[in-house]
Amino acid sequence: MADDQGTVEVTRQHSLSKKAPIVDNFVLLFYNGSHNGSQSSASGDDASAPSTAEESFRRSLKDYLDRIEDLRCQITDKYQAKQLIQVKLHAQLIESEHQARFNACNLQTQNGIQLNYKRMLLLCEKIYTLSIQLQTLYLELAELLEKRLDHTVEIHRRSRLCCSALYDFKKQSGAT
C-alpha cells in the first residue's frame, strides 16, 4: 500500500507539473468509466488465463495505466487544440472588434463626409447667391457708371459748347 500511495503521489506530482488541473478532472471522469469496464474485461481475462493473481493484477494495472496515459494524451491534445481554437477565436473576436470599430470609424467618416458635402453644397449655394448678388452689383455699377459717363459726356459737350460760345463772344467783342 505504501508503494501504491507513493505511486499515486508521483503520478499527482507528475500530472500537476505537466498537465492542467482541468485535464486531471477529465481523466478522473474517464478513469471512473474505464475502471468499471476494465473490471469486467479483467475478470474475463483472469478466468481464461492460467496465471497467478499477482500477474493478472500487474497486467491489469499496466493495461489500466496505459489506457490512462492514452486518455491523458488524447485529453491533453484536445485541450491544447481547444486552447489553440480559443486563441484563434479570441484573435478573430479582436479583429472583429477592430473591424467593427473600423466600420464605425468608416460610418463616422462617411457621416463626416456627408456633413462636409452638405456644408460644401450650402457653401456653393451661398457662393452662387453671393456671386449673383455681386454680378447684380456689377451690373448696377455699370449702369450707374454709364449714366455718369453719359452725364459727364453731356457736361463736357456743354462745356465745349460754352467754351466755343465764349470764344466766339470774345472774338466778336475784341474785334469790335
C-alpha atoms as a PDB file:
ATOM      1  CA  MET A   1       0.000   0.000   0.000  1.00  0.00           C
ATOM      2  CA  ALA A   2       2.881   2.297   0.665  1.00  0.00           C
ATOM      3  CA  ASP A   3       4.035   1.692  -2.899  1.00  0.00           C
ATOM      4  CA  ASP A   4       0.572   2.466  -4.198  1.00  0.00           C
ATOM      5  CA  GLN A   5       0.458   5.704  -2.227  1.00  0.00           C
ATOM      6  CA  GLY A   6       3.952   6.599  -3.421  1.00  0.00           C
ATOM      7  CA  THR A   7       2.916   5.867  -6.978  1.00  0.00           C
ATOM      8  CA  VAL A   8      -0.176   7.989  -6.583  1.00  0.00           C
ATOM      9  CA  GLU A   9       1.907  10.831  -5.167  1.00  0.00           C
ATOM     10  CA  VAL A  10       4.379  10.563  -8.051  1.00  0.00           C
ATOM     11  CA  THR A  11       1.508  10.489 -10.503  1.00  0.00           C
ATOM     12  CA  ARG A  12      -0.025  13.551  -8.879  1.00  0.00           C
ATOM     13  CA  GLN A  13       3.261  15.419  -8.929  1.00  0.00           C
ATOM     14  CA  HIS A  14       3.824  14.296 -12.478  1.00  0.00           C
ATOM     15  CA  SER A  15       0.313  15.295 -13.548  1.00  0.00           C
ATOM     16  CA  LEU A  16       0.441  18.644 -11.754  1.00  0.00           C
ATOM     17  CA  SER A  17       3.769  19.560 -13.244  1.00  0.00           C
ATOM     18  CA  LYS A  18       2.803  18.506 -16.777  1.00  0.00           C
ATOM     19  CA  LYS A  19      -0.931  18.897 -17.128  1.00  0.00           C
ATOM     20  CA  ALA A  20      -3.518  21.467 -16.197  1.00  0.00           C
ATOM     21  CA  PRO A  21      -5.877  20.568 -13.327  1.00  0.00           C
ATOM     22  CA  ILE A  22      -8.870  20.527 -15.655  1.00  0.00           C
ATOM     23  CA  VAL A  23      -7.215  17.710 -17.620  1.00  0.00           C
ATOM     24  CA  ASP A  24      -6.831  15.719 -14.392  1.00  0.00           C
ATOM     25  CA  ASN A  25     -10.538  16.211 -13.670  1.00  0.00           C
ATOM     26  CA  PHE A  26     -11.391  14.871 -17.105  1.00  0.00           C
ATOM     27  CA  VAL A  27      -9.008  11.967 -16.593  1.00  0.00           C
ATOM     28  CA  LEU A  28     -10.740  11.156 -13.323  1.00  0.00           C
ATOM     29  CA  LEU A  29     -14.079  11.110 -15.121  1.00  0.00           C
ATOM     30  CA  PHE A  30     -12.698   8.762 -17.744  1.00  0.00           C
ATOM     31  CA  TYR A  31     -10.942   6.762 -15.042  1.00  0.00           C
ATOM     32  CA  ASN A  32     -14.236   6.040 -13.309  1.00  0.00           C
ATOM     33  CA  GLY A  33     -15.864   4.971 -16.570  1.00  0.00           C
ATOM     34  CA  SER A  34     -12.875   2.930 -17.698  1.00  0.00           C
ATOM     35  CA  HIS A  35     -12.474   1.312 -14.311  1.00  0.00           C
ATOM     36  CA  ASN A  36     -15.929  -0.272 -14.458  1.00  0.00           C
ATOM     37  CA  GLY A  37     -15.335  -1.600 -17.963  1.00  0.00           C
ATOM     38  CA  SER A  38     -11.858  -2.840 -17.164  1.00  0.00           C
ATOM     39  CA  GLN A  39     -13.060  -4.834 -14.180  1.00  0.00           C
ATOM     40  CA  SER A  40     -15.453  -6.858 -16.293  1.00  0.00           C
ATOM     41  CA  SER A  41     -12.870  -7.434 -19.020  1.00  0.00           C
ATOM     42  CA  ALA A  42     -10.145  -8.149 -16.483  1.00  0.00           C
ATOM     43  CA  SER A  43     -12.392 -10.661 -14.734  1.00  0.00           C
ATOM     44  CA  GLY A  44     -12.977 -12.441 -18.018  1.00  0.00           C
ATOM     45  CA  ASP A  45      -9.262 -12.438 -18.835  1.00  0.00           C
ATOM     46  CA  ASP A  46      -8.341 -13.745 -15.379  1.00  0.00           C
ATOM     47  CA  ALA A  47     -10.772 -16.615 -15.674  1.00  0.00           C
ATOM     48  CA  SER A  48      -9.467 -17.715 -19.084  1.00  0.00           C
ATOM     49  CA  ALA A  49      -5.754 -17.217 -18.423  1.00  0.00           C
ATOM     50  CA  PRO A  50      -3.860 -19.618 -16.138  1.00  0.00           C
ATOM     51  CA  SER A  51      -1.846 -17.009 -14.224  1.00  0.00           C
ATOM     52  CA  THR A  52      -1.360 -16.047 -10.666  1.00  0.00           C
ATOM     53  CA  ALA A  53      -3.419 -13.312  -9.086  1.00  0.00           C
ATOM     54  CA  GLU A  54      -0.310 -11.120  -8.795  1.00  0.00           C
ATOM     55  CA  GLU A  55       0.482 -11.384 -12.535  1.00  0.00           C
ATOM     56  CA  SER A  56      -3.074 -10.654 -13.543  1.00  0.00           C
ATOM     57  CA  PHE A  57      -3.168  -7.703 -11.179  1.00  0.00           C
ATOM     58  CA  ARG A  58       0.088  -6.302 -12.600  1.00  0.00           C
ATOM     59  CA  ARG A  59      -1.078  -6.882 -16.155  1.00  0.00           C
ATOM     60  CA  SER A  60      -4.413  -5.223 -15.492  1.00  0.00           C
ATOM     61  CA  LEU A  61      -2.643  -2.399 -13.662  1.00  0.00           C
ATOM     62  CA  LYS A  62      -0.257  -1.888 -16.590  1.00  0.00           C
ATOM     63  CA  ASP A  63      -3.143  -2.011 -19.051  1.00  0.00           C
ATOM     64  CA  TYR A  64      -5.056   0.376 -16.868  1.00  0.00           C
ATOM     65  CA  LEU A  65      -2.093   2.830 -16.640  1.00  0.00           C
ATOM     66  CA  ASP A  66      -1.575   2.594 -20.409  1.00  0.00           C
ATOM     67  CA  ARG A  67      -5.216   3.498 -21.030  1.00  0.00           C
ATOM     68  CA  ILE A  68      -4.943   6.375 -18.545  1.00  0.00           C
ATOM     69  CA  GLU A  69      -1.828   7.610 -20.315  1.00  0.00           C
ATOM     70  CA  ASP A  70      -3.569   7.344 -23.705  1.00  0.00           C
ATOM     71  CA  LEU A  71      -6.586   9.162 -22.362  1.00  0.00           C
ATOM     72  CA  ARG A  72      -4.403  11.864 -20.814  1.00  0.00           C
ATOM     73  CA  CYS A  73      -2.567  12.285 -24.107  1.00  0.00           C
ATOM     74  CA  GLN A  74      -5.831  12.496 -26.029  1.00  0.00           C
ATOM     75  CA  ILE A  75      -7.316  14.879 -23.492  1.00  0.00           C
ATOM     76  CA  THR A  76      -4.154  16.976 -23.437  1.00  0.00           C
ATOM     77  CA  ASP A  77      -4.146  17.103 -27.247  1.00  0.00           C
ATOM     78  CA  LYS A  78      -7.808  18.080 -27.300  1.00  0.00           C
ATOM     79  CA  TYR A  79      -7.260  20.604 -24.515  1.00  0.00           C
ATOM     80  CA  GLN A  80      -4.338  22.133 -26.414  1.00  0.00           C
ATOM     81  CA  ALA A  81      -6.441  22.163 -29.588  1.00  0.00           C
ATOM     82  CA  LYS A  82      -9.218  23.833 -27.594  1.00  0.00           C
ATOM     83  CA  GLN A  83      -6.780  26.432 -26.288  1.00  0.00           C
ATOM     84  CA  LEU A  84      -5.471  26.984 -29.815  1.00  0.00           C
ATOM     85  CA  ILE A  85      -9.015  27.422 -31.071  1.00  0.00           C
ATOM     86  CA  GLN A  86      -9.733  29.779 -28.163  1.00  0.00           C
ATOM     87  CA  VAL A  87      -6.661  31.815 -29.075  1.00  0.00           C
ATOM     88  CA  LYS A  88      -7.750  31.908 -32.718  1.00  0.00           C
ATOM     89  CA  LEU A  89     -11.297  32.767 -31.675  1.00  0.00           C
ATOM     90  CA  HIS A  90     -10.005  35.484 -29.368  1.00  0.00           C
ATOM     91  CA  ALA A  91      -7.909  36.869 -32.230  1.00  0.00           C
ATOM     92  CA  GLN A  92     -10.917  36.738 -34.546  1.00  0.00           C
ATOM     93  CA  LEU A  93     -13.073  38.490 -31.955  1.00  0.00           C
ATOM     94  CA  ILE A  94     -10.446  41.187 -31.526  1.00  0.00           C
ATOM     95  CA  GLU A  95     -10.208  41.515 -35.300  1.00  0.00           C
ATOM     96  CA  SER A  96     -13.992  41.643 -35.467  1.00  0.00           C
ATOM     97  CA  GLU A  97     -13.985  44.324 -32.774  1.00  0.00           C
ATOM     98  CA  HIS A  98     -11.390  46.288 -34.703  1.00  0.00           C
ATOM     99  CA  GLN A  99     -13.363  45.757 -37.875  1.00  0.00           C
ATOM    100  CA  ALA A 100     -16.494  46.903 -36.079  1.00  0.00           C
ATOM    101  CA  ARG A 101     -14.611  49.927 -34.792  1.00  0.00           C
ATOM    102  CA  PHE A 102     -13.210  50.439 -38.290  1.00  0.00           C
ATOM    103  CA  ASN A 103     -16.700  50.196 -39.721  1.00  0.00           C
ATOM    104  CA  ALA A 104     -17.880  52.581 -37.034  1.00  0.00           C
ATOM    105  CA  CYS A 105     -15.000  54.858 -37.961  1.00  0.00           C
ATOM    106  CA  ASN A 106     -15.971  54.447 -41.589  1.00  0.00           C
ATOM    107  CA  LEU A 107     -19.536  55.250 -40.627  1.00  0.00           C
ATOM    108  CA  GLN A 108     -18.325  58.277 -38.699  1.00  0.00           C
ATOM    109  CA  THR A 109     -16.083  59.185 -41.608  1.00  0.00           C
ATOM    110  CA  GLN A 110     -18.949  58.697 -44.036  1.00  0.00           C
ATOM    111  CA  ASN A 111     -21.198  60.806 -41.820  1.00  0.00           C
ATOM    112  CA  GLY A 112     -18.452  63.415 -41.663  1.00  0.00           C
ATOM    113  CA  ILE A 113     -18.050  63.268 -45.427  1.00  0.00           C
ATOM    114  CA  GLN A 114     -21.805  63.614 -45.930  1.00  0.00           C
ATOM    115  CA  LEU A 115     -21.843  66.506 -43.488  1.00  0.00           C
ATOM    116  CA  ASN A 116     -18.929  68.107 -45.302  1.00  0.00           C
ATOM    117  CA  TYR A 117     -20.700  67.536 -48.633  1.00  0.00           C
ATOM    118  CA  LYS A 118     -23.781  69.231 -47.200  1.00  0.00           C
ATOM    119  CA  ARG A 119     -21.605  72.061 -45.927  1.00  0.00           C
ATOM    120  CA  MET A 120     -19.941  72.303 -49.329  1.00  0.00           C
ATOM    121  CA  LEU A 121     -23.348  72.308 -51.039  1.00  0.00           C
ATOM    122  CA  LEU A 122     -24.560  75.070 -48.717  1.00  0.00           C
ATOM    123  CA  LEU A 123     -21.338  76.960 -49.285  1.00  0.00           C
ATOM    124  CA  CYS A 124     -21.656  76.512 -53.047  1.00  0.00           C
ATOM    125  CA  GLU A 125     -25.251  77.741 -52.903  1.00  0.00           C
ATOM    126  CA  LYS A 126     -24.152  80.678 -50.761  1.00  0.00           C
ATOM    127  CA  ILE A 127     -21.258  81.399 -53.125  1.00  0.00           C
ATOM    128  CA  TYR A 128     -23.629  81.163 -56.096  1.00  0.00           C
ATOM    129  CA  THR A 129     -26.077  83.532 -54.391  1.00  0.00           C
ATOM    130  CA  LEU A 130     -23.282  85.907 -53.461  1.00  0.00           C
ATOM    131  CA  SER A 131     -21.781  85.754 -56.948  1.00  0.00           C
ATOM    132  CA  ILE A 132     -25.202  86.545 -58.448  1.00  0.00           C
ATOM    133  CA  GLN A 133     -25.521  89.436 -55.985  1.00  0.00           C
ATOM    134  CA  LEU A 134     -22.010  90.541 -56.984  1.00  0.00           C
ATOM    135  CA  GLN A 135     -22.880  90.317 -60.669  1.00  0.00           C
ATOM    136  CA  THR A 136     -26.037  92.315 -59.956  1.00  0.00           C
ATOM    137  CA  LEU A 137     -23.932  94.913 -58.166  1.00  0.00           C
ATOM    138  CA  TYR A 138     -21.509  94.967 -61.102  1.00  0.00           C
ATOM    139  CA  LEU A 139     -24.413  95.477 -63.495  1.00  0.00           C
ATOM    140  CA  GLU A 140     -25.890  98.211 -61.285  1.00  0.00           C
ATOM    141  CA  LEU A 141     -22.439  99.824 -61.035  1.00  0.00           C
ATOM    142  CA  ALA A 142     -22.002  99.556 -64.788  1.00  0.00           C
ATOM    143  CA  GLU A 143     -25.401 101.194 -65.326  1.00  0.00           C
ATOM    144  CA  LEU A 144     -24.518 103.903 -62.794  1.00  0.00           C
ATOM    145  CA  LEU A 145     -21.149 104.487 -64.456  1.00  0.00           C
ATOM    146  CA  GLU A 146     -22.785 104.533 -67.848  1.00  0.00           C
ATOM    147  CA  LYS A 147     -25.294 107.119 -66.631  1.00  0.00           C
ATOM    148  CA  ARG A 148     -22.435 109.084 -65.071  1.00  0.00           C
ATOM    149  CA  LEU A 149     -20.463 108.760 -68.289  1.00  0.00           C
ATOM    150  CA  ASP A 150     -23.419 109.981 -70.276  1.00  0.00           C
ATOM    151  CA  HIS A 151     -23.836 112.872 -67.795  1.00  0.00           C
ATOM    152  CA  THR A 152     -20.090 113.648 -67.900  1.00  0.00           C
ATOM    153  CA  VAL A 153     -20.064 113.488 -71.690  1.00  0.00           C
ATOM    154  CA  GLU A 154     -23.093 115.794 -71.726  1.00  0.00           C
ATOM    155  CA  ILE A 155     -21.361 118.189 -69.297  1.00  0.00           C
ATOM    156  CA  HIS A 156     -18.175 118.019 -71.384  1.00  0.00           C
ATOM    157  CA  ARG A 157     -20.174 118.650 -74.543  1.00  0.00           C
ATOM    158  CA  ARG A 158     -21.978 121.582 -72.915  1.00  0.00           C
ATOM    159  CA  SER A 159     -18.723 122.928 -71.523  1.00  0.00           C
ATOM    160  CA  ARG A 160     -17.160 122.669 -75.018  1.00  0.00           C
ATOM    161  CA  LEU A 161     -20.187 124.446 -76.416  1.00  0.00           C
ATOM    162  CA  CYS A 162     -19.889 127.073 -73.702  1.00  0.00           C
ATOM    163  CA  CYS A 163     -16.169 127.450 -74.395  1.00  0.00           C
ATOM    164  CA  SER A 164     -16.864 127.760 -78.104  1.00  0.00           C
ATOM    165  CA  ALA A 165     -19.609 130.285 -77.412  1.00  0.00           C
ATOM    166  CA  LEU A 166     -17.331 132.255 -75.051  1.00  0.00           C
ATOM    167  CA  TYR A 167     -14.503 132.119 -77.545  1.00  0.00           C
ATOM    168  CA  ASP A 168     -16.836 133.324 -80.274  1.00  0.00           C
ATOM    169  CA  PHE A 169     -18.174 136.072 -77.935  1.00  0.00           C
ATOM    170  CA  LYS A 170     -14.672 137.256 -77.032  1.00  0.00           C
ATOM    171  CA  LYS A 171     -13.651 137.109 -80.611  1.00  0.00           C
ATOM    172  CA  GLN A 172     -16.615 139.223 -81.583  1.00  0.00           C
ATOM    173  CA  SER A 173     -16.124 141.590 -78.643  1.00  0.00           C
ATOM    174  CA  GLY A 174     -12.443 142.018 -79.310  1.00  0.00           C
ATOM    175  CA  ALA A 175     -12.989 142.527 -82.957  1.00  0.00           C
ATOM    176  CA  THR A 176     -15.360 145.352 -82.416  1.00  0.00           C
END
